[in-house]
Amino acid sequence: MIKKPTKSKPGVFSFLDPLAYEIWMCIVFAYIGVSVVLFLVSRFSPYEWQSEDSDDEDEAGVSSASRRAPPTSSSEALHSPGFSQAQNQQKDKETPEHTNDFGIFNSLWFSLGAFMQQGCDISPRSLSGRIVGGVWWFFTLIIISSYTANLAAFLTVERMVSPIESAEDLAKQTEIAYGTLDSGSTKEFFRRSKIAVYEKMWSYMKSAEPSVFVKTTPDGVARVRKSKGKFAFLLESTMNEYIEQRKPCDTMKVGGNLDSKGY
């Protein structure tokens, strides 16, 4: 018999519990790595570069220039320095500027949107960029599915932490004391047992200071309740189960029966 452990309350970072710390670190590194690869692929692929459309502005500029320019002969037009300067300016305007949507920040944003299952307002145009994006989508699908399944179990099941699960656990540690009635069948069982684990437990109990033996069963139960989980009381299973079901229901039986006797 031990004192029933208190229920563990969820903390601020309990949402991280469904996955191990190592997995979270791998996800962070994978997120950064995929974003960098997508950025580099977009830089080297010509399909990710697009020119700004300035045809409307050019047409408006040409029409206004034609209205302002006086009619001249072909020979004057060829030798006019003003016309050649305007022609050069027009050529400069007609040269398109190429831009790329997938800068480093947009690449990080695209990867984050895919990981959060929200999507993004930009998408890769090149085959290599789409392959990188598709691999990342499949990876996030597996991770999110596993996380959601584990998170549901963590939120619906209230976990209780019990430090002791069997008599072997008691024998392996010294932090939690344990004892029996000063006179009774349980004490006699440990005194006569030839099993190594029970011999070790008997050696501890008879030499423990202060004494771990109690005079009556109520004294043992009271000691369990006051010990804050630092004392385990060994007694008959029927009495143990009976007390466990009685109010205030703050004790519990752990492990199986140590010995069985028929009557």
C-alpha atoms as a PDB file:
ATOM      1  CA  MET A   1       0.000   0.000   0.000  1.00  0.00           C
ATOM      2  CA  ILE A   2       1.267   3.452  -0.947  1.00  0.00           C
ATOM      3  CA  LYS A   3      -0.274   6.905  -0.974  1.00  0.00           C
ATOM      4  CA  LYS A   4      -2.085   7.606  -4.213  1.00  0.00           C
ATOM      5  CA  PRO A   5       0.059   9.991  -6.277  1.00  0.00           C
ATOM      6  CA  THR A   6      -1.336  13.342  -7.266  1.00  0.00           C
ATOM      7  CA  LYS A   7      -2.422  13.891 -10.828  1.00  0.00           C
ATOM      8  CA  SER A   8       0.127  15.716 -12.932  1.00  0.00           C
ATOM      9  CA  LYS A   9      -1.147  19.086 -14.174  1.00  0.00           C
ATOM     10  CA  PRO A  10      -0.396  20.137 -17.749  1.00  0.00           C
ATOM     11  CA  GLY A  11       2.304  22.773 -18.065  1.00  0.00           C
ATOM     12  CA  VAL A  12       2.834  25.633 -20.482  1.00  0.00           C
ATOM     13  CA  PHE A  13       4.876  23.472 -22.849  1.00  0.00           C
ATOM     14  CA  SER A  14       2.747  20.339 -22.535  1.00  0.00           C
ATOM     15  CA  PHE A  15       1.934  20.589 -26.238  1.00  0.00           C
ATOM     16  CA  LEU A  16       5.511  19.433 -26.891  1.00  0.00           C
ATOM     17  CA  ASP A  17       5.047  16.169 -24.969  1.00  0.00           C
ATOM     18  CA  PRO A  18       3.590  14.073 -27.837  1.00  0.00           C
ATOM     19  CA  LEU A  19       6.976  14.115 -29.584  1.00  0.00           C
ATOM     20  CA  ALA A  20      10.420  13.594 -28.106  1.00  0.00           C
ATOM     21  CA  TYR A  21      12.926  16.424 -27.737  1.00  0.00           C
ATOM     22  CA  GLU A  22      15.172  14.880 -30.395  1.00  0.00           C
ATOM     23  CA  ILE A  23      12.314  14.804 -32.899  1.00  0.00           C
ATOM     24  CA  TRP A  24      11.524  18.478 -32.336  1.00  0.00           C
ATOM     25  CA  MET A  25      15.159  19.391 -32.925  1.00  0.00           C
ATOM     26  CA  CYS A  26      15.211  17.337 -36.143  1.00  0.00           C
ATOM     27  CA  ILE A  27      12.063  19.119 -37.331  1.00  0.00           C
ATOM     28  CA  VAL A  28      13.650  22.539 -36.725  1.00  0.00           C
ATOM     29  CA  PHE A  29      16.810  21.594 -38.620  1.00  0.00           C
ATOM     30  CA  ALA A  30      14.746  20.061 -41.443  1.00  0.00           C
ATOM     31  CA  TYR A  31      12.664  23.243 -41.678  1.00  0.00           C
ATOM     32  CA  ILE A  32      15.746  25.445 -41.985  1.00  0.00           C
ATOM     33  CA  GLY A  33      17.459  23.040 -44.395  1.00  0.00           C
ATOM     34  CA  VAL A  34      14.483  22.760 -46.751  1.00  0.00           C
ATOM     35  CA  SER A  35      14.058  26.548 -46.776  1.00  0.00           C
ATOM     36  CA  VAL A  36      17.704  27.060 -47.717  1.00  0.00           C
ATOM     37  CA  VAL A  37      17.540  24.380 -50.440  1.00  0.00           C
ATOM     38  CA  LEU A  38      14.380  25.933 -51.862  1.00  0.00           C
ATOM     39  CA  PHE A  39      16.058  29.348 -51.874  1.00  0.00           C
ATOM     40  CA  LEU A  40      19.129  28.034 -53.720  1.00  0.00           C
ATOM     41  CA  VAL A  41      17.072  26.045 -56.227  1.00  0.00           C
ATOM     42  CA  SER A  42      14.981  29.117 -57.006  1.00  0.00           C
ATOM     43  CA  ARG A  43      18.103  31.209 -57.503  1.00  0.00           C
ATOM     44  CA  PHE A  44      19.675  28.845 -60.031  1.00  0.00           C
ATOM     45  CA  SER A  45      16.507  27.877 -61.909  1.00  0.00           C
ATOM     46  CA  PRO A  46      15.563  30.251 -64.777  1.00  0.00           C
ATOM     47  CA  TYR A  47      11.879  29.363 -64.415  1.00  0.00           C
ATOM     48  CA  GLU A  48      11.682  31.097 -61.044  1.00  0.00           C
ATOM     49  CA  TRP A  49      12.751  34.448 -62.495  1.00  0.00           C
ATOM     50  CA  GLN A  50      10.050  36.623 -64.038  1.00  0.00           C
ATOM     51  CA  SER A  51      10.157  40.032 -65.734  1.00  0.00           C
ATOM     52  CA  GLU A  52       8.057  43.008 -64.740  1.00  0.00           C
ATOM     53  CA  ASP A  53       5.508  43.962 -67.383  1.00  0.00           C
ATOM     54  CA  SER A  54       6.028  47.590 -68.379  1.00  0.00           C
ATOM     55  CA  ASP A  55       4.495  47.505 -71.860  1.00  0.00           C
ATOM     56  CA  ASP A  56       1.640  49.796 -70.887  1.00  0.00           C
ATOM     57  CA  GLU A  57       3.993  52.448 -69.586  1.00  0.00           C
ATOM     58  CA  ASP A  58       6.168  52.207 -72.711  1.00  0.00           C
ATOM     59  CA  GLU A  59       3.204  52.539 -75.043  1.00  0.00           C
ATOM     60  CA  ALA A  60       1.978  55.583 -73.158  1.00  0.00           C
ATOM     61  CA  GLY A  61       5.445  57.147 -73.326  1.00  0.00           C
ATOM     62  CA  VAL A  62       5.810  56.522 -77.080  1.00  0.00           C
ATOM     63  CA  SER A  63       2.389  57.941 -77.928  1.00  0.00           C
ATOM     64  CA  SER A  64       3.011  61.109 -75.934  1.00  0.00           C
ATOM     65  CA  ALA A  65       6.424  61.552 -77.549  1.00  0.00           C
ATOM     66  CA  SER A  66       4.959  61.162 -81.032  1.00  0.00           C
ATOM     67  CA  ARG A  67       2.382  63.824 -80.285  1.00  0.00           C
ATOM     68  CA  ARG A  68       5.000  66.243 -79.032  1.00  0.00           C
ATOM     69  CA  ALA A  69       7.645  65.627 -81.762  1.00  0.00           C
ATOM     70  CA  PRO A  70       7.236  67.713 -84.947  1.00  0.00           C
ATOM     71  CA  PRO A  71       7.241  65.907 -88.279  1.00  0.00           C
ATOM     72  CA  THR A  72      10.748  65.629 -89.699  1.00  0.00           C
ATOM     73  CA  SER A  73      12.282  63.993 -92.702  1.00  0.00           C
ATOM     74  CA  SER A  74      14.068  60.683 -92.492  1.00  0.00           C
ATOM     75  CA  SER A  75      17.461  62.248 -92.993  1.00  0.00           C
ATOM     76  CA  GLU A  76      16.893  64.721 -90.164  1.00  0.00           C
ATOM     77  CA  ALA A  77      15.712  61.907 -87.873  1.00  0.00           C
ATOM     78  CA  LEU A  78      18.853  59.881 -88.454  1.00  0.00           C
ATOM     79  CA  HIS A  79      21.203  62.763 -87.684  1.00  0.00           C
ATOM     80  CA  SER A  80      19.208  64.367 -84.852  1.00  0.00           C
ATOM     81  CA  PRO A  81      20.989  63.900 -81.514  1.00  0.00           C
ATOM     82  CA  GLY A  82      17.751  64.509 -79.617  1.00  0.00           C
ATOM     83  CA  PHE A  83      16.045  61.611 -81.344  1.00  0.00           C
ATOM     84  CA  SER A  84      18.919  59.206 -80.651  1.00  0.00           C
ATOM     85  CA  GLN A  85      18.840  60.122 -76.948  1.00  0.00           C
ATOM     86  CA  ALA A  86      15.103  59.488 -76.767  1.00  0.00           C
ATOM     87  CA  GLN A  87      15.607  56.218 -78.600  1.00  0.00           C
ATOM     88  CA  ASN A  88      18.250  55.137 -76.088  1.00  0.00           C
ATOM     89  CA  GLN A  89      15.975  56.009 -73.198  1.00  0.00           C
ATOM     90  CA  GLN A  90      13.192  54.007 -74.818  1.00  0.00           C
ATOM     91  CA  LYS A  91      15.487  50.996 -75.159  1.00  0.00           C
ATOM     92  CA  ASP A  92      16.419  51.271 -71.491  1.00  0.00           C
ATOM     93  CA  LYS A  93      12.752  51.326 -70.568  1.00  0.00           C
ATOM     94  CA  GLU A  94      12.042  48.319 -72.759  1.00  0.00           C
ATOM     95  CA  THR A  95      14.686  46.229 -70.926  1.00  0.00           C
ATOM     96  CA  PRO A  96      12.642  44.170 -68.390  1.00  0.00           C
ATOM     97  CA  GLU A  97      13.706  43.759 -64.761  1.00  0.00           C
ATOM     98  CA  HIS A  98      13.728  40.162 -63.493  1.00  0.00           C
ATOM     99  CA  THR A  99      12.535  39.326 -59.989  1.00  0.00           C
ATOM    100  CA  ASN A 100      12.402  36.156 -57.903  1.00  0.00           C
ATOM    101  CA  ASP A 101       9.638  35.506 -55.378  1.00  0.00           C
ATOM    102  CA  PHE A 102      11.621  32.966 -53.394  1.00  0.00           C
ATOM    103  CA  GLY A 103      14.015  35.052 -51.364  1.00  0.00           C
ATOM    104  CA  ILE A 104      15.271  33.624 -48.092  1.00  0.00           C
ATOM    105  CA  PHE A 105      12.380  35.070 -46.070  1.00  0.00           C
ATOM    106  CA  ASN A 106       9.732  33.945 -48.546  1.00  0.00           C
ATOM    107  CA  SER A 107      11.306  30.478 -48.593  1.00  0.00           C
ATOM    108  CA  LEU A 108      11.065  30.311 -44.796  1.00  0.00           C
ATOM    109  CA  TRP A 109       7.479  31.548 -44.988  1.00  0.00           C
ATOM    110  CA  PHE A 110       6.543  28.952 -47.616  1.00  0.00           C
ATOM    111  CA  SER A 111       8.020  26.111 -45.512  1.00  0.00           C
ATOM    112  CA  LEU A 112       6.296  27.367 -42.361  1.00  0.00           C
ATOM    113  CA  GLY A 113       2.933  27.652 -44.119  1.00  0.00           C
ATOM    114  CA  ALA A 114       3.254  24.090 -45.418  1.00  0.00           C
ATOM    115  CA  PHE A 115       4.217  22.792 -41.968  1.00  0.00           C
ATOM    116  CA  MET A 116       1.215  24.521 -40.349  1.00  0.00           C
ATOM    117  CA  GLN A 117      -1.096  23.141 -43.064  1.00  0.00           C
ATOM    118  CA  GLN A 118      -2.057  26.681 -44.102  1.00  0.00           C
ATOM    119  CA  GLY A 119      -0.452  27.038 -47.524  1.00  0.00           C
ATOM    120  CA  CYS A 120       1.148  30.184 -48.956  1.00  0.00           C
ATOM    121  CA  ASP A 121       0.405  32.878 -51.527  1.00  0.00           C
ATOM    122  CA  ILE A 122       3.432  31.877 -53.631  1.00  0.00           C
ATOM    123  CA  SER A 123       4.407  28.521 -55.103  1.00  0.00           C
ATOM    124  CA  PRO A 124       7.420  27.166 -57.021  1.00  0.00           C
ATOM    125  CA  ARG A 125       7.312  27.285 -60.821  1.00  0.00           C
ATOM    126  CA  SER A 126      10.359  25.168 -61.623  1.00  0.00           C
ATOM    127  CA  LEU A 127      10.370  21.371 -61.546  1.00  0.00           C
ATOM    128  CA  SER A 128      13.204  21.276 -59.016  1.00  0.00           C
ATOM    129  CA  GLY A 129      11.396  23.697 -56.710  1.00  0.00           C
ATOM    130  CA  ARG A 130       8.192  21.662 -56.911  1.00  0.00           C
ATOM    131  CA  ILE A 131      10.080  18.475 -56.054  1.00  0.00           C
ATOM    132  CA  VAL A 132      11.538  20.135 -52.948  1.00  0.00           C
ATOM    133  CA  GLY A 133       8.104  21.456 -51.983  1.00  0.00           C
ATOM    134  CA  GLY A 134       6.442  18.072 -52.553  1.00  0.00           C
ATOM    135  CA  VAL A 135       8.962  16.240 -50.371  1.00  0.00           C
ATOM    136  CA  TRP A 136       8.448  18.800 -47.603  1.00  0.00           C
ATOM    137  CA  TRP A 137       4.651  18.478 -47.877  1.00  0.00           C
ATOM    138  CA  PHE A 138       4.828  14.704 -47.526  1.00  0.00           C
ATOM    139  CA  PHE A 139       7.158  15.036 -44.524  1.00  0.00           C
ATOM    140  CA  THR A 140       4.845  17.502 -42.779  1.00  0.00           C
ATOM    141  CA  LEU A 141       1.829  15.273 -43.483  1.00  0.00           C
ATOM    142  CA  ILE A 142       3.432  12.361 -41.623  1.00  0.00           C
ATOM    143  CA  ILE A 143       4.631  14.542 -38.723  1.00  0.00           C
ATOM    144  CA  ILE A 144       1.309  16.353 -38.245  1.00  0.00           C
ATOM    145  CA  SER A 145      -0.665  13.101 -38.396  1.00  0.00           C
ATOM    146  CA  SER A 146       1.561  11.467 -35.775  1.00  0.00           C
ATOM    147  CA  TYR A 147       1.493  14.564 -33.565  1.00  0.00           C
ATOM    148  CA  THR A 148      -2.304  14.862 -33.717  1.00  0.00           C
ATOM    149  CA  ALA A 149      -2.808  11.208 -32.782  1.00  0.00           C
ATOM    150  CA  ASN A 150      -0.422  11.430 -29.818  1.00  0.00           C
ATOM    151  CA  LEU A 151      -1.760  14.804 -28.665  1.00  0.00           C
ATOM    152  CA  ALA A 152      -5.299  13.441 -28.417  1.00  0.00           C
ATOM    153  CA  ALA A 153      -4.071  10.650 -26.149  1.00  0.00           C
ATOM    154  CA  PHE A 154      -2.082  13.067 -23.980  1.00  0.00           C
ATOM    155  CA  LEU A 155      -5.047  15.415 -23.523  1.00  0.00           C
ATOM    156  CA  THR A 156      -7.735  12.814 -22.847  1.00  0.00           C
ATOM    157  CA  VAL A 157      -5.823  10.548 -20.479  1.00  0.00           C
ATOM    158  CA  GLU A 158      -4.880  11.978 -17.093  1.00  0.00           C
ATOM    159  CA  ARG A 159      -1.519  10.541 -16.264  1.00  0.00           C
ATOM    160  CA  MET A 160      -0.594   9.578 -12.737  1.00  0.00           C
ATOM    161  CA  VAL A 161       3.039   9.127 -11.830  1.00  0.00           C
ATOM    162  CA  SER A 162       3.690   6.218  -9.465  1.00  0.00           C
ATOM    163  CA  PRO A 163       7.311   5.691  -8.387  1.00  0.00           C
ATOM    164  CA  ILE A 164       6.682   2.101  -7.200  1.00  0.00           C
ATOM    165  CA  GLU A 165       5.112  -0.655  -9.279  1.00  0.00           C
ATOM    166  CA  SER A 166       6.251  -3.842  -7.511  1.00  0.00           C
ATOM    167  CA  ALA A 167       8.178  -5.242  -4.552  1.00  0.00           C
ATOM    168  CA  GLU A 168      11.288  -5.337  -6.722  1.00  0.00           C
ATOM    169  CA  ASP A 169      11.069  -1.563  -7.118  1.00  0.00           C
ATOM    170  CA  LEU A 170      10.993  -1.182  -3.336  1.00  0.00           C
ATOM    171  CA  ALA A 171      14.050  -3.394  -2.909  1.00  0.00           C
ATOM    172  CA  LYS A 172      16.057  -1.418  -5.488  1.00  0.00           C
ATOM    173  CA  GLN A 173      15.684   1.962  -3.782  1.00  0.00           C
ATOM    174  CA  THR A 174      16.139   3.531  -0.340  1.00  0.00           C
ATOM    175  CA  GLU A 175      14.215   6.799  -0.686  1.00  0.00           C
ATOM    176  CA  ILE A 176      10.832   5.258   0.135  1.00  0.00           C
ATOM    177  CA  ALA A 177      10.688   3.357   3.429  1.00  0.00           C
ATOM    178  CA  TYR A 178       8.529   0.243   3.778  1.00  0.00           C
ATOM    179  CA  GLY A 179       7.418  -1.950   6.651  1.00  0.00           C
ATOM    180  CA  THR A 180       4.803  -4.367   8.007  1.00  0.00           C
ATOM    181  CA  LEU A 181       2.867  -5.126  11.181  1.00  0.00           C
ATOM    182  CA  ASP A 182       5.169  -5.834  14.103  1.00  0.00           C
ATOM    183  CA  SER A 183       3.490  -9.198  14.484  1.00  0.00           C
ATOM    184  CA  GLY A 184       1.630 -10.981  11.747  1.00  0.00           C
ATOM    185  CA  SER A 185       1.820 -13.276   8.758  1.00  0.00           C
ATOM    186  CA  THR A 186       3.388 -10.653   6.479  1.00  0.00           C
ATOM    187  CA  LYS A 187       6.353 -10.082   8.775  1.00  0.00           C
ATOM    188  CA  GLU A 188       6.769 -13.829   9.235  1.00  0.00           C
ATOM    189  CA  PHE A 189       6.703 -14.318   5.461  1.00  0.00           C
ATOM    190  CA  PHE A 190       9.642 -11.958   4.937  1.00  0.00           C
ATOM    191  CA  ARG A 191      11.561 -13.407   7.881  1.00  0.00           C
ATOM    192  CA  ARG A 192      11.358 -16.971   6.532  1.00  0.00           C
ATOM    193  CA  SER A 193      11.587 -16.233   2.794  1.00  0.00           C
ATOM    194  CA  LYS A 194      14.595 -17.586   0.880  1.00  0.00           C
ATOM    195  CA  ILE A 195      13.970 -15.470  -2.214  1.00  0.00           C
ATOM    196  CA  ALA A 196      16.795 -12.996  -2.766  1.00  0.00           C
ATOM    197  CA  VAL A 197      14.546  -9.965  -3.251  1.00  0.00           C
ATOM    198  CA  TYR A 198      12.521 -10.653  -0.102  1.00  0.00           C
ATOM    199  CA  GLU A 199      15.654 -11.422   1.903  1.00  0.00           C
ATOM    200  CA  LYS A 200      17.026  -8.033   0.891  1.00  0.00           C
ATOM    201  CA  MET A 201      13.786  -6.350   1.924  1.00  0.00           C
ATOM    202  CA  TRP A 202      13.781  -8.158   5.291  1.00  0.00           C
ATOM    203  CA  SER A 203      17.370  -7.121   5.921  1.00  0.00           C
ATOM    204  CA  TYR A 204      16.415  -3.506   5.316  1.00  0.00           C
ATOM    205  CA  MET A 205      13.274  -3.593   7.473  1.00  0.00           C
ATOM    206  CA  LYS A 206      14.883  -5.130  10.558  1.00  0.00           C
ATOM    207  CA  SER A 207      17.784  -2.650  10.507  1.00  0.00           C
ATOM    208  CA  ALA A 208      15.882   0.508   9.540  1.00  0.00           C
ATOM    209  CA  GLU A 209      15.942   3.502  11.893  1.00  0.00           C
ATOM    210  CA  PRO A 210      13.408   4.663  12.904  1.00  0.00           C
ATOM    211  CA  SER A 211      11.568   1.367  12.969  1.00  0.00           C
ATOM    212  CA  VAL A 212       9.347   0.606   9.999  1.00  0.00           C
ATOM    213  CA  PHE A 213       7.182  -1.862  11.935  1.00  0.00           C
ATOM    214  CA  VAL A 214       3.801  -0.682  13.227  1.00  0.00           C
ATOM    215  CA  LYS A 215       1.674  -2.090  16.009  1.00  0.00           C
ATOM    216  CA  THR A 216      -1.718  -2.030  14.249  1.00  0.00           C
ATOM    217  CA  THR A 217      -3.066  -1.785  10.715  1.00  0.00           C
ATOM    218  CA  PRO A 218      -4.655   1.669  11.298  1.00  0.00           C
ATOM    219  CA  ASP A 219      -1.250   2.921  12.453  1.00  0.00           C
ATOM    220  CA  GLY A 220       0.313   1.685   9.218  1.00  0.00           C
ATOM    221  CA  VAL A 221      -2.412   3.266   7.085  1.00  0.00           C
ATOM    222  CA  ALA A 222      -2.055   6.564   8.955  1.00  0.00           C
ATOM    223  CA  ARG A 223       1.695   6.497   8.415  1.00  0.00           C
ATOM    224  CA  VAL A 224       1.182   5.960   4.689  1.00  0.00           C
ATOM    225  CA  ARG A 225      -1.187   8.927   4.474  1.00  0.00           C
ATOM    226  CA  LYS A 226       1.104  11.258   6.425  1.00  0.00           C
ATOM    227  CA  SER A 227       4.330  10.265   4.686  1.00  0.00           C
ATOM    228  CA  LYS A 228       3.560  12.120   1.423  1.00  0.00           C
ATOM    229  CA  GLY A 229       4.542   9.084  -0.620  1.00  0.00           C
ATOM    230  CA  LYS A 230       7.684   8.239   1.390  1.00  0.00           C
ATOM    231  CA  PHE A 231       6.355   5.102   3.143  1.00  0.00           C
ATOM    232  CA  ALA A 232       4.891   1.848   1.779  1.00  0.00           C
ATOM    233  CA  PHE A 233       2.916  -0.486   4.019  1.00  0.00           C
ATOM    234  CA  LEU A 234       3.024  -4.245   3.301  1.00  0.00           C
ATOM    235  CA  LEU A 235      -0.116  -6.050   4.454  1.00  0.00           C
ATOM    236  CA  GLU A 236      -2.660  -8.679   3.452  1.00  0.00           C
ATOM    237  CA  SER A 237      -4.228  -8.081   0.044  1.00  0.00           C
ATOM    238  CA  THR A 238      -7.840  -8.274   1.264  1.00  0.00           C
ATOM    239  CA  MET A 239      -7.306  -5.548   3.867  1.00  0.00           C
ATOM    240  CA  ASN A 240      -5.345  -3.504   1.338  1.00  0.00           C
ATOM    241  CA  GLU A 241      -8.148  -3.615  -1.223  1.00  0.00           C
ATOM    242  CA  TYR A 242     -10.775  -2.857   1.430  1.00  0.00           C
ATOM    243  CA  ILE A 243      -8.995   0.269   2.683  1.00  0.00           C
ATOM    244  CA  GLU A 244      -8.384   1.413  -0.893  1.00  0.00           C
ATOM    245  CA  GLN A 245     -12.139   1.538  -1.522  1.00  0.00           C
ATOM    246  CA  ARG A 246     -12.922   3.439   1.677  1.00  0.00           C
ATOM    247  CA  LYS A 247     -12.927   7.210   1.991  1.00  0.00           C
ATOM    248  CA  PRO A 248     -10.865   9.341   1.626  1.00  0.00           C
ATOM    249  CA  CYS A 249      -9.623   6.914  -1.093  1.00  0.00           C
ATOM    250  CA  ASP A 250      -6.075   8.273  -0.946  1.00  0.00           C
ATOM    251  CA  THR A 251      -4.239   4.919  -0.864  1.00  0.00           C
ATOM    252  CA  MET A 252      -3.663   2.375  -3.600  1.00  0.00           C
ATOM    253  CA  LYS A 253      -2.385  -1.149  -4.064  1.00  0.00           C
ATOM    254  CA  VAL A 254       0.581  -1.603  -6.378  1.00  0.00           C
ATOM    255  CA  GLY A 255       1.991  -4.796  -7.818  1.00  0.00           C
ATOM    256  CA  GLY A 256       0.721  -8.335  -7.446  1.00  0.00           C
ATOM    257  CA  ASN A 257       0.441 -10.514  -4.354  1.00  0.00           C
ATOM    258  CA  LEU A 258       3.753 -11.604  -2.826  1.00  0.00           C
ATOM    259  CA  ASP A 259       2.448 -14.900  -1.501  1.00  0.00           C
ATOM    260  CA  SER A 260      -0.779 -16.900  -1.559  1.00  0.00           C
ATOM    261  CA  LYS A 261      -2.152 -19.147   1.154  1.00  0.00           C
ATOM    262  CA  GLY A 262      -5.351 -21.212   1.107  1.00  0.00           C
ATOM    263  CA  TYR A 263      -7.708 -21.642   4.026  1.00  0.00           C
END
